[in-house]
Amino acid sequence: MTDYQTIMVNGKIACVWDGRTAHCKKCNTAIGWGITTNNKRMPFDLVQLDPTKPRYEAHWANCPNRDDFRRVEKPKQSEGLHDR
């Protein structure tokens, strides 16, 4: 049975974490994956910011390769070849 805990990421984003860990595909840092209240996945570094509280920092704040994960916005349908 998995024990879920509520953690804070960046001091203000509440996430649920099941305690499992992974490694960043780009920098190989140990990370955890939390689920936000909006049902979005959030990677965070496993170094606890405050030893008395479950507070962590988002991994994208420290990953040297964070730009590799950014999503490229798709052009709006009104932009592009159809406007010529």
PDB file of N, CA and C in Angstrom:
ATOM      1  N   MET A   1       0.842  -1.177   0.000  1.00  0.00           N
ATOM      2  CA  MET A   1       0.000   0.000   0.000  1.00  0.00           C
ATOM      3  C   MET A   1       0.886   1.239   0.000  1.00  0.00           C
ATOM      4  N   THR A   2       0.542   2.206  -0.797  1.00  0.00           N
ATOM      5  CA  THR A   2       1.324   3.426  -0.922  1.00  0.00           C
ATOM      6  C   THR A   2       0.817   4.461   0.070  1.00  0.00           C
ATOM      7  N   ASP A   3       1.767   5.106   0.759  1.00  0.00           N
ATOM      8  CA  ASP A   3       1.410   6.187   1.672  1.00  0.00           C
ATOM      9  C   ASP A   3       1.553   7.504   0.938  1.00  0.00           C
ATOM     10  N   TYR A   4       0.472   8.236   0.840  1.00  0.00           N
ATOM     11  CA  TYR A   4       0.482   9.532   0.174  1.00  0.00           C
ATOM     12  C   TYR A   4       0.681  10.611   1.221  1.00  0.00           C
ATOM     13  N   GLN A   5       1.428  11.641   0.847  1.00  0.00           N
ATOM     14  CA  GLN A   5       1.597  12.771   1.745  1.00  0.00           C
ATOM     15  C   GLN A   5       1.433  14.060   0.965  1.00  0.00           C
ATOM     16  N   THR A   6       0.958  15.080   1.654  1.00  0.00           N
ATOM     17  CA  THR A   6       0.827  16.393   1.041  1.00  0.00           C
ATOM     18  C   THR A   6       2.099  17.162   1.306  1.00  0.00           C
ATOM     19  N   ILE A   7       2.673  17.721   0.254  1.00  0.00           N
ATOM     20  CA  ILE A   7       3.904  18.493   0.371  1.00  0.00           C
ATOM     21  C   ILE A   7       3.675  19.871  -0.238  1.00  0.00           C
ATOM     22  N   MET A   8       4.576  20.786   0.057  1.00  0.00           N
ATOM     23  CA  MET A   8       4.536  22.114  -0.543  1.00  0.00           C
ATOM     24  C   MET A   8       5.753  22.255  -1.451  1.00  0.00           C
ATOM     25  N   VAL A   9       5.520  22.738  -2.667  1.00  0.00           N
ATOM     26  CA  VAL A   9       6.602  22.972  -3.617  1.00  0.00           C
ATOM     27  C   VAL A   9       6.697  24.482  -3.817  1.00  0.00           C
ATOM     28  N   ASN A  10       7.906  25.004  -3.699  1.00  0.00           N
ATOM     29  CA  ASN A  10       8.162  26.444  -3.796  1.00  0.00           C
ATOM     30  C   ASN A  10       7.387  27.240  -2.745  1.00  0.00           C
ATOM     31  N   GLY A  11       7.026  26.585  -1.660  1.00  0.00           N
ATOM     32  CA  GLY A  11       6.371  27.260  -0.555  1.00  0.00           C
ATOM     33  C   GLY A  11       4.919  27.617  -0.763  1.00  0.00           C
ATOM     34  N   LYS A  12       4.363  27.349  -1.951  1.00  0.00           N
ATOM     35  CA  LYS A  12       2.981  27.751  -2.180  1.00  0.00           C
ATOM     36  C   LYS A  12       2.146  26.793  -3.012  1.00  0.00           C
ATOM     37  N   ILE A  13       2.751  25.781  -3.607  1.00  0.00           N
ATOM     38  CA  ILE A  13       2.008  24.854  -4.459  1.00  0.00           C
ATOM     39  C   ILE A  13       1.837  23.533  -3.703  1.00  0.00           C
ATOM     40  N   ALA A  14       0.613  23.244  -3.319  1.00  0.00           N
ATOM     41  CA  ALA A  14       0.336  21.993  -2.616  1.00  0.00           C
ATOM     42  C   ALA A  14       0.304  20.845  -3.614  1.00  0.00           C
ATOM     43  N   CYS A  15       1.008  19.770  -3.280  1.00  0.00           N
ATOM     44  CA  CYS A  15       1.044  18.583  -4.134  1.00  0.00           C
ATOM     45  C   CYS A  15       0.845  17.348  -3.277  1.00  0.00           C
ATOM     46  N   VAL A  16       0.340  16.303  -3.899  1.00  0.00           N
ATOM     47  CA  VAL A  16       0.265  14.998  -3.261  1.00  0.00           C
ATOM     48  C   VAL A  16       1.390  14.159  -3.844  1.00  0.00           C
ATOM     49  N   TRP A  17       2.153  13.518  -2.971  1.00  0.00           N
ATOM     50  CA  TRP A  17       3.289  12.701  -3.402  1.00  0.00           C
ATOM     51  C   TRP A  17       3.157  11.315  -2.795  1.00  0.00           C
ATOM     52  N   ASP A  18       3.393  10.293  -3.613  1.00  0.00           N
ATOM     53  CA  ASP A  18       3.268   8.918  -3.127  1.00  0.00           C
ATOM     54  C   ASP A  18       4.587   8.352  -2.602  1.00  0.00           C
ATOM     55  N   GLY A  19       5.632   9.166  -2.571  1.00  0.00           N
ATOM     56  CA  GLY A  19       6.910   8.732  -1.996  1.00  0.00           C
ATOM     57  C   GLY A  19       7.863   8.085  -2.984  1.00  0.00           C
ATOM     58  N   ARG A  20       7.392   7.807  -4.200  1.00  0.00           N
ATOM     59  CA  ARG A  20       8.287   7.199  -5.190  1.00  0.00           C
ATOM     60  C   ARG A  20       9.234   8.251  -5.749  1.00  0.00           C
ATOM     61  N   THR A  21      10.395   7.801  -6.170  1.00  0.00           N
ATOM     62  CA  THR A  21      11.389   8.705  -6.734  1.00  0.00           C
ATOM     63  C   THR A  21      11.730   8.293  -8.161  1.00  0.00           C
ATOM     64  N   ALA A  22      12.359   9.226  -8.876  1.00  0.00           N
ATOM     65  CA  ALA A  22      12.786   8.986 -10.255  1.00  0.00           C
ATOM     66  C   ALA A  22      14.051   9.813 -10.467  1.00  0.00           C
ATOM     67  N   HIS A  23      14.531   9.844 -11.688  1.00  0.00           N
ATOM     68  CA  HIS A  23      15.675  10.682 -12.042  1.00  0.00           C
ATOM     69  C   HIS A  23      15.318  11.509 -13.270  1.00  0.00           C
ATOM     70  N   CYS A  24      15.763  12.767 -13.273  1.00  0.00           N
ATOM     71  CA  CYS A  24      15.544  13.646 -14.412  1.00  0.00           C
ATOM     72  C   CYS A  24      16.195  13.027 -15.644  1.00  0.00           C
ATOM     73  N   LYS A  25      15.482  13.010 -16.755  1.00  0.00           N
ATOM     74  CA  LYS A  25      16.009  12.421 -17.992  1.00  0.00           C
ATOM     75  C   LYS A  25      17.185  13.198 -18.564  1.00  0.00           C
ATOM     76  N   LYS A  26      17.298  14.475 -18.213  1.00  0.00           N
ATOM     77  CA  LYS A  26      18.357  15.317 -18.775  1.00  0.00           C
ATOM     78  C   LYS A  26      19.568  15.461 -17.862  1.00  0.00           C
ATOM     79  N   CYS A  27      19.355  15.683 -16.558  1.00  0.00           N
ATOM     80  CA  CYS A  27      20.501  15.949 -15.665  1.00  0.00           C
ATOM     81  C   CYS A  27      20.741  14.830 -14.655  1.00  0.00           C
ATOM     82  N   ASN A  28      19.870  13.836 -14.621  1.00  0.00           N
ATOM     83  CA  ASN A  28      20.000  12.652 -13.779  1.00  0.00           C
ATOM     84  C   ASN A  28      19.885  12.937 -12.277  1.00  0.00           C
ATOM     85  N   THR A  29      19.339  14.081 -11.902  1.00  0.00           N
ATOM     86  CA  THR A  29      19.120  14.399 -10.488  1.00  0.00           C
ATOM     87  C   THR A  29      17.938  13.596  -9.966  1.00  0.00           C
ATOM     88  N   ALA A  30      18.020  13.146  -8.720  1.00  0.00           N
ATOM     89  CA  ALA A  30      16.907  12.439  -8.097  1.00  0.00           C
ATOM     90  C   ALA A  30      15.753  13.415  -7.868  1.00  0.00           C
ATOM     91  N   ILE A  31      14.560  13.034  -8.318  1.00  0.00           N
ATOM     92  CA  ILE A  31      13.381  13.889  -8.193  1.00  0.00           C
ATOM     93  C   ILE A  31      12.195  13.066  -7.717  1.00  0.00           C
ATOM     94  N   GLY A  32      11.178  13.766  -7.258  1.00  0.00           N
ATOM     95  CA  GLY A  32       9.882  13.169  -6.974  1.00  0.00           C
ATOM     96  C   GLY A  32       8.870  13.831  -7.888  1.00  0.00           C
ATOM     97  N   TRP A  33       7.742  13.184  -8.082  1.00  0.00           N
ATOM     98  CA  TRP A  33       6.670  13.750  -8.899  1.00  0.00           C
ATOM     99  C   TRP A  33       5.459  13.939  -8.013  1.00  0.00           C
ATOM    100  N   GLY A  34       5.017  15.197  -7.891  1.00  0.00           N
ATOM    101  CA  GLY A  34       3.813  15.499  -7.142  1.00  0.00           C
ATOM    102  C   GLY A  34       2.666  15.764  -8.097  1.00  0.00           C
ATOM    103  N   ILE A  35       1.445  15.637  -7.591  1.00  0.00           N
ATOM    104  CA  ILE A  35       0.245  15.960  -8.350  1.00  0.00           C
ATOM    105  C   ILE A  35      -0.382  17.185  -7.684  1.00  0.00           C
ATOM    106  N   THR A  36      -0.542  18.263  -8.450  1.00  0.00           N
ATOM    107  CA  THR A  36      -1.090  19.504  -7.904  1.00  0.00           C
ATOM    108  C   THR A  36      -2.608  19.393  -7.748  1.00  0.00           C
ATOM    109  N   THR A  37      -3.194  20.409  -7.130  1.00  0.00           N
ATOM    110  CA  THR A  37      -4.647  20.425  -6.970  1.00  0.00           C
ATOM    111  C   THR A  37      -5.360  20.563  -8.317  1.00  0.00           C
ATOM    112  N   ASN A  38      -4.630  21.002  -9.357  1.00  0.00           N
ATOM    113  CA  ASN A  38      -5.190  21.089 -10.713  1.00  0.00           C
ATOM    114  C   ASN A  38      -4.937  19.822 -11.515  1.00  0.00           C
ATOM    115  N   ASN A  39      -4.493  18.763 -10.844  1.00  0.00           N
ATOM    116  CA  ASN A  39      -4.202  17.471 -11.480  1.00  0.00           C
ATOM    117  C   ASN A  39      -3.055  17.545 -12.479  1.00  0.00           C
ATOM    118  N   LYS A  40      -2.102  18.430 -12.252  1.00  0.00           N
ATOM    119  CA  LYS A  40      -0.917  18.543 -13.107  1.00  0.00           C
ATOM    120  C   LYS A  40       0.257  17.900 -12.377  1.00  0.00           C
ATOM    121  N   ARG A  41       1.123  17.249 -13.138  1.00  0.00           N
ATOM    122  CA  ARG A  41       2.322  16.633 -12.554  1.00  0.00           C
ATOM    123  C   ARG A  41       3.406  17.691 -12.373  1.00  0.00           C
ATOM    124  N   MET A  42       4.070  17.683 -11.213  1.00  0.00           N
ATOM    125  CA  MET A  42       5.119  18.659 -10.939  1.00  0.00           C
ATOM    126  C   MET A  42       6.354  17.932 -10.408  1.00  0.00           C
ATOM    127  N   PRO A  43       7.496  18.057 -11.117  1.00  0.00           N
ATOM    128  CA  PRO A  43       8.726  17.458 -10.614  1.00  0.00           C
ATOM    129  C   PRO A  43       9.339  18.363  -9.547  1.00  0.00           C
ATOM    130  N   PHE A  44       9.899  17.747  -8.513  1.00  0.00           N
ATOM    131  CA  PHE A  44      10.555  18.530  -7.475  1.00  0.00           C
ATOM    132  C   PHE A  44      11.825  17.819  -7.019  1.00  0.00           C
ATOM    133  N   ASP A  45      12.792  18.622  -6.571  1.00  0.00           N
ATOM    134  CA  ASP A  45      14.042  18.068  -6.050  1.00  0.00           C
ATOM    135  C   ASP A  45      13.768  17.414  -4.705  1.00  0.00           C
ATOM    136  N   LEU A  46      14.471  16.336  -4.419  1.00  0.00           N
ATOM    137  CA  LEU A  46      14.232  15.593  -3.188  1.00  0.00           C
ATOM    138  C   LEU A  46      14.926  16.192  -1.966  1.00  0.00           C
ATOM    139  N   VAL A  47      15.630  17.287  -2.138  1.00  0.00           N
ATOM    140  CA  VAL A  47      16.258  17.957  -0.996  1.00  0.00           C
ATOM    141  C   VAL A  47      15.183  18.781  -0.305  1.00  0.00           C
ATOM    142  N   GLN A  48      14.929  18.449   0.951  1.00  0.00           N
ATOM    143  CA  GLN A  48      13.893  19.142   1.706  1.00  0.00           C
ATOM    144  C   GLN A  48      14.414  20.502   2.160  1.00  0.00           C
ATOM    145  N   LEU A  49      13.659  21.572   1.889  1.00  0.00           N
ATOM    146  CA  LEU A  49      14.085  22.927   2.228  1.00  0.00           C
ATOM    147  C   LEU A  49      14.022  23.192   3.725  1.00  0.00           C
ATOM    148  N   ASP A  50      13.073  22.573   4.402  1.00  0.00           N
ATOM    149  CA  ASP A  50      12.876  22.779   5.832  1.00  0.00           C
ATOM    150  C   ASP A  50      12.761  21.402   6.479  1.00  0.00           C
ATOM    151  N   PRO A  51      13.696  21.040   7.365  1.00  0.00           N
ATOM    152  CA  PRO A  51      13.655  19.692   7.940  1.00  0.00           C
ATOM    153  C   PRO A  51      12.435  19.421   8.814  1.00  0.00           C
ATOM    154  N   THR A  52      11.727  20.479   9.238  1.00  0.00           N
ATOM    155  CA  THR A  52      10.561  20.284  10.096  1.00  0.00           C
ATOM    156  C   THR A  52       9.250  20.245   9.317  1.00  0.00           C
ATOM    157  N   LYS A  53       9.286  20.639   8.034  1.00  0.00           N
ATOM    158  CA  LYS A  53       8.070  20.665   7.209  1.00  0.00           C
ATOM    159  C   LYS A  53       8.361  20.048   5.847  1.00  0.00           C
ATOM    160  N   PRO A  54       7.348  19.423   5.240  1.00  0.00           N
ATOM    161  CA  PRO A  54       7.557  18.831   3.910  1.00  0.00           C
ATOM    162  C   PRO A  54       7.540  19.903   2.806  1.00  0.00           C
ATOM    163  N   ARG A  55       8.642  20.677   2.717  1.00  0.00           N
ATOM    164  CA  ARG A  55       8.745  21.740   1.714  1.00  0.00           C
ATOM    165  C   ARG A  55       9.892  21.421   0.767  1.00  0.00           C
ATOM    166  N   TYR A  56       9.614  21.514  -0.532  1.00  0.00           N
ATOM    167  CA  TYR A  56      10.593  21.178  -1.554  1.00  0.00           C
ATOM    168  C   TYR A  56      10.634  22.284  -2.603  1.00  0.00           C
ATOM    169  N   GLU A  57      11.630  22.217  -3.495  1.00  0.00           N
ATOM    170  CA  GLU A  57      11.745  23.186  -4.576  1.00  0.00           C
ATOM    171  C   GLU A  57      11.473  22.491  -5.905  1.00  0.00           C
ATOM    172  N   ALA A  58      10.759  23.182  -6.788  1.00  0.00           N
ATOM    173  CA  ALA A  58      10.462  22.621  -8.105  1.00  0.00           C
ATOM    174  C   ALA A  58      11.772  22.322  -8.835  1.00  0.00           C
ATOM    175  N   HIS A  59      11.837  21.179  -9.495  1.00  0.00           N
ATOM    176  CA  HIS A  59      13.081  20.795 -10.165  1.00  0.00           C
ATOM    177  C   HIS A  59      13.430  21.740 -11.298  1.00  0.00           C
ATOM    178  N   TRP A  60      12.438  22.282 -11.979  1.00  0.00           N
ATOM    179  CA  TRP A  60      12.734  23.182 -13.093  1.00  0.00           C
ATOM    180  C   TRP A  60      13.443  24.451 -12.634  1.00  0.00           C
ATOM    181  N   ALA A  61      13.432  24.756 -11.347  1.00  0.00           N
ATOM    182  CA  ALA A  61      14.153  25.930 -10.838  1.00  0.00           C
ATOM    183  C   ALA A  61      15.663  25.696 -10.826  1.00  0.00           C
ATOM    184  N   ASN A  62      16.083  24.430 -10.795  1.00  0.00           N
ATOM    185  CA  ASN A  62      17.504  24.093 -10.679  1.00  0.00           C
ATOM    186  C   ASN A  62      18.076  23.300 -11.843  1.00  0.00           C
ATOM    187  N   CYS A  63      17.246  22.707 -12.660  1.00  0.00           N
ATOM    188  CA  CYS A  63      17.733  21.839 -13.738  1.00  0.00           C
ATOM    189  C   CYS A  63      18.470  22.672 -14.791  1.00  0.00           C
ATOM    190  N   PRO A  64      19.715  22.321 -15.102  1.00  0.00           N
ATOM    191  CA  PRO A  64      20.452  23.071 -16.115  1.00  0.00           C
ATOM    192  C   PRO A  64      19.868  22.894 -17.521  1.00  0.00           C
ATOM    193  N   ASN A  65      19.024  21.904 -17.692  1.00  0.00           N
ATOM    194  CA  ASN A  65      18.428  21.620 -19.001  1.00  0.00           C
ATOM    195  C   ASN A  65      16.936  21.926 -19.037  1.00  0.00           C
ATOM    196  N   ARG A  66      16.459  22.791 -18.170  1.00  0.00           N
ATOM    197  CA  ARG A  66      15.019  23.055 -18.059  1.00  0.00           C
ATOM    198  C   ARG A  66      14.389  23.530 -19.363  1.00  0.00           C
ATOM    199  N   ASP A  67      15.136  24.267 -20.180  1.00  0.00           N
ATOM    200  CA  ASP A  67      14.570  24.762 -21.442  1.00  0.00           C
ATOM    201  C   ASP A  67      14.251  23.639 -22.423  1.00  0.00           C
ATOM    202  N   ASP A  68      14.920  22.489 -22.269  1.00  0.00           N
ATOM    203  CA  ASP A  68      14.647  21.349 -23.146  1.00  0.00           C
ATOM    204  C   ASP A  68      13.244  20.772 -22.925  1.00  0.00           C
ATOM    205  N   PHE A  69      12.642  21.076 -21.774  1.00  0.00           N
ATOM    206  CA  PHE A  69      11.330  20.524 -21.451  1.00  0.00           C
ATOM    207  C   PHE A  69      10.191  21.481 -21.755  1.00  0.00           C
ATOM    208  N   ARG A  70      10.493  22.705 -22.111  1.00  0.00           N
ATOM    209  CA  ARG A  70       9.427  23.685 -22.359  1.00  0.00           C
ATOM    210  C   ARG A  70       8.634  23.290 -23.593  1.00  0.00           C
ATOM    211  N   ARG A  71       7.349  23.439 -23.488  1.00  0.00           N
ATOM    212  CA  ARG A  71       6.476  23.127 -24.619  1.00  0.00           C
ATOM    213  C   ARG A  71       6.465  24.292 -25.590  1.00  0.00           C
ATOM    214  N   VAL A  72       6.529  23.983 -26.857  1.00  0.00           N
ATOM    215  CA  VAL A  72       6.471  25.014 -27.890  1.00  0.00           C
ATOM    216  C   VAL A  72       5.001  25.233 -28.219  1.00  0.00           C
ATOM    217  N   GLU A  73       4.587  26.488 -28.180  1.00  0.00           N
ATOM    218  CA  GLU A  73       3.191  26.776 -28.506  1.00  0.00           C
ATOM    219  C   GLU A  73       2.933  26.526 -29.981  1.00  0.00           C
ATOM    220  N   LYS A  74       1.822  25.894 -30.250  1.00  0.00           N
ATOM    221  CA  LYS A  74       1.423  25.662 -31.634  1.00  0.00           C
ATOM    222  C   LYS A  74       0.846  26.960 -32.178  1.00  0.00           C
ATOM    223  N   PRO A  75       1.126  27.286 -33.444  1.00  0.00           N
ATOM    224  CA  PRO A  75       0.543  28.511 -34.005  1.00  0.00           C
ATOM    225  C   PRO A  75      -0.981  28.406 -34.058  1.00  0.00           C
ATOM    226  N   LYS A  76      -1.634  29.528 -33.871  1.00  0.00           N
ATOM    227  CA  LYS A  76      -3.093  29.540 -33.965  1.00  0.00           C
ATOM    228  C   LYS A  76      -3.487  29.228 -35.386  1.00  0.00           C
ATOM    229  N   GLN A  77      -4.662  28.656 -35.553  1.00  0.00           N
ATOM    230  CA  GLN A  77      -5.085  28.233 -36.875  1.00  0.00           C
ATOM    231  C   GLN A  77      -5.213  29.408 -37.840  1.00  0.00           C
ATOM    232  N   SER A  78      -5.446  30.603 -37.310  1.00  0.00           N
ATOM    233  CA  SER A  78      -5.573  31.770 -38.188  1.00  0.00           C
ATOM    234  C   SER A  78      -4.211  32.252 -38.684  1.00  0.00           C
ATOM    235  N   GLU A  79      -3.126  31.771 -38.075  1.00  0.00           N
ATOM    236  CA  GLU A  79      -1.785  32.160 -38.506  1.00  0.00           C
ATOM    237  C   GLU A  79      -1.247  31.105 -39.457  1.00  0.00           C
ATOM    238  N   GLY A  80      -0.334  31.476 -40.298  1.00  0.00           N
ATOM    239  CA  GLY A  80       0.315  30.482 -41.131  1.00  0.00           C
ATOM    240  C   GLY A  80      -0.043  30.630 -42.603  1.00  0.00           C
ATOM    241  N   LEU A  81      -0.052  29.514 -43.316  1.00  0.00           N
ATOM    242  CA  LEU A  81      -0.209  29.515 -44.763  1.00  0.00           C
ATOM    243  C   LEU A  81      -1.584  29.966 -45.232  1.00  0.00           C
ATOM    244  N   HIS A  82      -2.593  29.793 -44.418  1.00  0.00           N
ATOM    245  CA  HIS A  82      -3.947  30.111 -44.852  1.00  0.00           C
ATOM    246  C   HIS A  82      -4.192  31.614 -44.987  1.00  0.00           C
ATOM    247  N   ASP A  83      -3.307  32.431 -44.420  1.00  0.00           N
ATOM    248  CA  ASP A  83      -3.500  33.880 -44.458  1.00  0.00           C
ATOM    249  C   ASP A  83      -2.945  34.521 -45.720  1.00  0.00           C
ATOM    250  N   ARG A  84      -2.326  33.778 -46.587  1.00  0.00           N
ATOM    251  CA  ARG A  84      -1.687  34.356 -47.781  1.00  0.00           C
ATOM    252  C   ARG A  84      -2.656  34.599 -48.882  1.00  0.00           C
TER     253      ARG A  84
END
